[in-house]
Amino acid sequence: MDFRRKKRAPVDIGLIPMIDVLLVLLFFFMMATTFRQHSDLKIDLPQAEGSEIQQTTKAINLYIDAKGVYALGSDTEQVTVLPNQNLEGLKAALVKMADTSRHLPFIINADGKTPHQAVVSAMDIANQIGFHHITFAINPPETQ
């Protein structure tokens, strides 16, 4: 009877197979990732802390109330509620108004409770038509 223990072979963790597995995983995740291209809109964010109210000489104003109703006006025209309140009606009205005034600032006057989708849709349509100077109107801070 031989009760001596047999010598075991030393256990090594192979570094080369581990690197191969990591490279395969890296390649898989790189190919499985979706890349999205976002369109850039140049937007002037409002500053509500200033004491001076900035007035532009000419601009196209889009008014959106809390119910998402669109009204359009400029410095030379009265504010009129759009008869067709869907996005196609807004686009048609903006195209009609923007024949020669695409270089003018486009000011969005939105109520604080306006649905976010209505504002984003208006910005997208304005960008499609060619208004690239989009500004948001703000109320001056209330003094106490």
C-alpha atoms as a PDB file:
ATOM      1  CA  MET A   1       0.000   0.000   0.000  1.00  0.00           C
ATOM      2  CA  ASP A   2       1.359   3.233  -1.107  1.00  0.00           C
ATOM      3  CA  PHE A   3      -0.129   6.119   0.920  1.00  0.00           C
ATOM      4  CA  ARG A   4       2.015   8.838  -0.497  1.00  0.00           C
ATOM      5  CA  ARG A   5       0.268  11.716  -2.161  1.00  0.00           C
ATOM      6  CA  LYS A   6       0.862  12.244  -5.797  1.00  0.00           C
ATOM      7  CA  LYS A   7       2.210  15.583  -6.889  1.00  0.00           C
ATOM      8  CA  ARG A   8      -0.275  17.772  -8.716  1.00  0.00           C
ATOM      9  CA  ALA A   9       0.540  19.834 -11.733  1.00  0.00           C
ATOM     10  CA  PRO A  10       0.628  23.580 -10.949  1.00  0.00           C
ATOM     11  CA  VAL A  11      -2.582  25.413 -11.892  1.00  0.00           C
ATOM     12  CA  ASP A  12      -2.036  28.419 -14.148  1.00  0.00           C
ATOM     13  CA  ILE A  13      -4.597  30.853 -15.411  1.00  0.00           C
ATOM     14  CA  GLY A  14      -3.931  31.367 -19.080  1.00  0.00           C
ATOM     15  CA  LEU A  15      -3.613  35.043 -19.848  1.00  0.00           C
ATOM     16  CA  ILE A  16      -3.815  34.693 -23.633  1.00  0.00           C
ATOM     17  CA  PRO A  17      -7.257  32.978 -23.684  1.00  0.00           C
ATOM     18  CA  MET A  18      -8.608  35.577 -21.245  1.00  0.00           C
ATOM     19  CA  ILE A  19      -7.443  38.397 -23.534  1.00  0.00           C
ATOM     20  CA  ASP A  20      -9.080  36.628 -26.488  1.00  0.00           C
ATOM     21  CA  VAL A  21     -12.399  36.374 -24.639  1.00  0.00           C
ATOM     22  CA  LEU A  22     -12.270  40.048 -23.618  1.00  0.00           C
ATOM     23  CA  LEU A  23     -11.574  41.121 -27.201  1.00  0.00           C
ATOM     24  CA  VAL A  24     -14.514  39.061 -28.465  1.00  0.00           C
ATOM     25  CA  LEU A  25     -16.786  40.653 -25.835  1.00  0.00           C
ATOM     26  CA  LEU A  26     -15.520  44.127 -26.718  1.00  0.00           C
ATOM     27  CA  PHE A  27     -16.155  43.485 -30.408  1.00  0.00           C
ATOM     28  CA  PHE A  28     -19.662  42.157 -29.658  1.00  0.00           C
ATOM     29  CA  PHE A  29     -20.635  45.211 -27.574  1.00  0.00           C
ATOM     30  CA  MET A  30     -19.206  47.601 -30.164  1.00  0.00           C
ATOM     31  CA  MET A  31     -21.297  45.996 -32.893  1.00  0.00           C
ATOM     32  CA  ALA A  32     -24.438  45.724 -30.748  1.00  0.00           C
ATOM     33  CA  THR A  33     -24.417  49.402 -29.754  1.00  0.00           C
ATOM     34  CA  THR A  34     -26.697  51.689 -31.701  1.00  0.00           C
ATOM     35  CA  PHE A  35     -25.413  55.088 -32.654  1.00  0.00           C
ATOM     36  CA  ARG A  36     -27.848  57.945 -33.073  1.00  0.00           C
ATOM     37  CA  GLN A  37     -27.205  61.202 -34.786  1.00  0.00           C
ATOM     38  CA  HIS A  38     -29.023  64.069 -33.124  1.00  0.00           C
ATOM     39  CA  SER A  39     -29.833  67.210 -35.030  1.00  0.00           C
ATOM     40  CA  ASP A  40     -28.553  70.339 -33.386  1.00  0.00           C
ATOM     41  CA  LEU A  41     -30.757  73.314 -32.755  1.00  0.00           C
ATOM     42  CA  LYS A  42     -29.183  76.585 -31.739  1.00  0.00           C
ATOM     43  CA  ILE A  43     -31.357  77.901 -28.946  1.00  0.00           C
ATOM     44  CA  ASP A  44     -30.857  81.055 -26.914  1.00  0.00           C
ATOM     45  CA  LEU A  45     -31.787  80.127 -23.377  1.00  0.00           C
ATOM     46  CA  PRO A  46     -33.538  82.869 -21.407  1.00  0.00           C
ATOM     47  CA  GLN A  47     -31.833  84.683 -18.564  1.00  0.00           C
ATOM     48  CA  ALA A  48     -34.378  85.737 -15.951  1.00  0.00           C
ATOM     49  CA  GLU A  49     -31.969  87.359 -13.502  1.00  0.00           C
ATOM     50  CA  GLY A  50     -31.280  90.578 -15.416  1.00  0.00           C
ATOM     51  CA  SER A  51     -33.042  93.795 -14.580  1.00  0.00           C
ATOM     52  CA  GLU A  52     -33.154  95.050 -18.152  1.00  0.00           C
ATOM     53  CA  ILE A  53     -35.786  93.642 -20.490  1.00  0.00           C
ATOM     54  CA  GLN A  54     -34.373  93.024 -23.918  1.00  0.00           C
ATOM     55  CA  GLN A  55     -36.623  94.071 -26.801  1.00  0.00           C
ATOM     56  CA  THR A  56     -35.990  93.079 -30.375  1.00  0.00           C
ATOM     57  CA  THR A  57     -37.061  95.397 -33.139  1.00  0.00           C
ATOM     58  CA  LYS A  58     -38.629  92.778 -35.358  1.00  0.00           C
ATOM     59  CA  ALA A  59     -39.449  89.177 -34.607  1.00  0.00           C
ATOM     60  CA  ILE A  60     -41.936  86.424 -35.315  1.00  0.00           C
ATOM     61  CA  ASN A  61     -43.821  85.402 -32.178  1.00  0.00           C
ATOM     62  CA  LEU A  62     -45.456  82.038 -31.606  1.00  0.00           C
ATOM     63  CA  TYR A  63     -47.765  81.883 -28.595  1.00  0.00           C
ATOM     64  CA  ILE A  64     -48.684  78.520 -27.050  1.00  0.00           C
ATOM     65  CA  ASP A  65     -51.133  78.469 -24.164  1.00  0.00           C
ATOM     66  CA  ALA A  66     -51.637  75.851 -21.454  1.00  0.00           C
ATOM     67  CA  LYS A  67     -53.983  73.825 -23.675  1.00  0.00           C
ATOM     68  CA  GLY A  68     -51.458  73.726 -26.545  1.00  0.00           C
ATOM     69  CA  VAL A  69     -53.359  76.243 -28.718  1.00  0.00           C
ATOM     70  CA  TYR A  70     -51.084  77.979 -31.233  1.00  0.00           C
ATOM     71  CA  ALA A  71     -51.330  81.696 -32.048  1.00  0.00           C
ATOM     72  CA  LEU A  72     -48.989  83.509 -34.407  1.00  0.00           C
ATOM     73  CA  GLY A  73     -48.034  87.142 -34.744  1.00  0.00           C
ATOM     74  CA  SER A  74     -45.238  89.545 -35.531  1.00  0.00           C
ATOM     75  CA  ASP A  75     -44.422  93.141 -34.773  1.00  0.00           C
ATOM     76  CA  THR A  76     -46.333  94.318 -37.841  1.00  0.00           C
ATOM     77  CA  GLU A  77     -49.348  91.988 -37.486  1.00  0.00           C
ATOM     78  CA  GLN A  78     -51.855  91.269 -34.772  1.00  0.00           C
ATOM     79  CA  VAL A  79     -51.734  87.995 -32.905  1.00  0.00           C
ATOM     80  CA  THR A  80     -54.154  85.548 -34.485  1.00  0.00           C
ATOM     81  CA  VAL A  81     -55.151  82.115 -33.296  1.00  0.00           C
ATOM     82  CA  LEU A  82     -54.481  79.552 -35.998  1.00  0.00           C
ATOM     83  CA  PRO A  83     -57.693  78.117 -37.444  1.00  0.00           C
ATOM     84  CA  ASN A  84     -56.075  74.717 -37.985  1.00  0.00           C
ATOM     85  CA  GLN A  85     -54.470  73.685 -34.674  1.00  0.00           C
ATOM     86  CA  ASN A  86     -52.580  70.628 -35.894  1.00  0.00           C
ATOM     87  CA  LEU A  87     -48.911  70.619 -36.890  1.00  0.00           C
ATOM     88  CA  GLU A  88     -49.661  70.894 -40.613  1.00  0.00           C
ATOM     89  CA  GLY A  89     -51.680  74.065 -39.956  1.00  0.00           C
ATOM     90  CA  LEU A  90     -48.825  75.525 -37.909  1.00  0.00           C
ATOM     91  CA  LYS A  91     -46.331  74.676 -40.638  1.00  0.00           C
ATOM     92  CA  ALA A  92     -48.506  76.225 -43.346  1.00  0.00           C
ATOM     93  CA  ALA A  93     -48.971  79.420 -41.320  1.00  0.00           C
ATOM     94  CA  LEU A  94     -45.238  79.686 -40.625  1.00  0.00           C
ATOM     95  CA  VAL A  95     -44.357  79.131 -44.284  1.00  0.00           C
ATOM     96  CA  LYS A  96     -46.820  81.850 -45.269  1.00  0.00           C
ATOM     97  CA  MET A  97     -45.409  84.280 -42.707  1.00  0.00           C
ATOM     98  CA  ALA A  98     -41.754  83.427 -43.335  1.00  0.00           C
ATOM     99  CA  ASP A  99     -41.466  84.240 -47.040  1.00  0.00           C
ATOM    100  CA  THR A 100     -38.907  86.997 -46.530  1.00  0.00           C
ATOM    101  CA  SER A 101     -38.360  86.972 -42.790  1.00  0.00           C
ATOM    102  CA  ARG A 102     -36.449  83.749 -42.072  1.00  0.00           C
ATOM    103  CA  HIS A 103     -33.525  85.785 -40.808  1.00  0.00           C
ATOM    104  CA  LEU A 104     -35.684  87.320 -38.047  1.00  0.00           C
ATOM    105  CA  PRO A 105     -35.648  85.887 -34.522  1.00  0.00           C
ATOM    106  CA  PHE A 106     -38.329  83.292 -33.841  1.00  0.00           C
ATOM    107  CA  ILE A 107     -39.680  83.785 -30.322  1.00  0.00           C
ATOM    108  CA  ILE A 108     -41.689  81.085 -28.582  1.00  0.00           C
ATOM    109  CA  ASN A 109     -43.969  82.430 -25.853  1.00  0.00           C
ATOM    110  CA  ALA A 110     -45.184  79.395 -23.925  1.00  0.00           C
ATOM    111  CA  ASP A 111     -47.259  79.195 -20.783  1.00  0.00           C
ATOM    112  CA  GLY A 112     -45.668  77.468 -17.807  1.00  0.00           C
ATOM    113  CA  LYS A 113     -48.229  74.670 -18.064  1.00  0.00           C
ATOM    114  CA  THR A 114     -47.880  74.196 -21.823  1.00  0.00           C
ATOM    115  CA  PRO A 115     -47.353  70.564 -22.825  1.00  0.00           C
ATOM    116  CA  HIS A 116     -43.688  69.963 -23.566  1.00  0.00           C
ATOM    117  CA  GLN A 117     -44.572  68.158 -26.804  1.00  0.00           C
ATOM    118  CA  ALA A 118     -46.279  71.259 -28.213  1.00  0.00           C
ATOM    119  CA  VAL A 119     -43.156  73.372 -27.660  1.00  0.00           C
ATOM    120  CA  VAL A 120     -40.782  70.749 -29.076  1.00  0.00           C
ATOM    121  CA  SER A 121     -43.008  70.227 -32.137  1.00  0.00           C
ATOM    122  CA  ALA A 122     -43.096  73.983 -32.761  1.00  0.00           C
ATOM    123  CA  MET A 123     -39.298  74.167 -32.491  1.00  0.00           C
ATOM    124  CA  ASP A 124     -38.907  71.275 -34.928  1.00  0.00           C
ATOM    125  CA  ILE A 125     -41.255  72.830 -37.492  1.00  0.00           C
ATOM    126  CA  ALA A 126     -39.511  76.214 -37.181  1.00  0.00           C
ATOM    127  CA  ASN A 127     -36.156  74.550 -37.772  1.00  0.00           C
ATOM    128  CA  GLN A 128     -37.480  72.654 -40.816  1.00  0.00           C
ATOM    129  CA  ILE A 129     -38.783  75.883 -42.355  1.00  0.00           C
ATOM    130  CA  GLY A 130     -35.476  77.670 -41.882  1.00  0.00           C
ATOM    131  CA  PHE A 131     -35.675  79.577 -38.602  1.00  0.00           C
ATOM    132  CA  HIS A 132     -32.354  78.916 -36.927  1.00  0.00           C
ATOM    133  CA  HIS A 133     -32.436  81.715 -34.349  1.00  0.00           C
ATOM    134  CA  ILE A 134     -35.000  80.375 -31.863  1.00  0.00           C
ATOM    135  CA  THR A 135     -35.543  82.246 -28.609  1.00  0.00           C
ATOM    136  CA  PHE A 136     -37.833  81.685 -25.652  1.00  0.00           C
ATOM    137  CA  ALA A 137     -39.692  84.591 -24.098  1.00  0.00           C
ATOM    138  CA  ILE A 138     -39.632  84.881 -20.343  1.00  0.00           C
ATOM    139  CA  ASN A 139     -41.461  86.910 -17.744  1.00  0.00           C
ATOM    140  CA  PRO A 140     -39.249  89.291 -15.794  1.00  0.00           C
ATOM    141  CA  PRO A 141     -38.670  88.333 -12.168  1.00  0.00           C
ATOM    142  CA  GLU A 142     -41.266  89.690  -9.786  1.00  0.00           C
ATOM    143  CA  THR A 143     -40.008  92.217  -7.273  1.00  0.00           C
ATOM    144  CA  GLN A 144     -41.272  91.880  -3.739  1.00  0.00           C
END
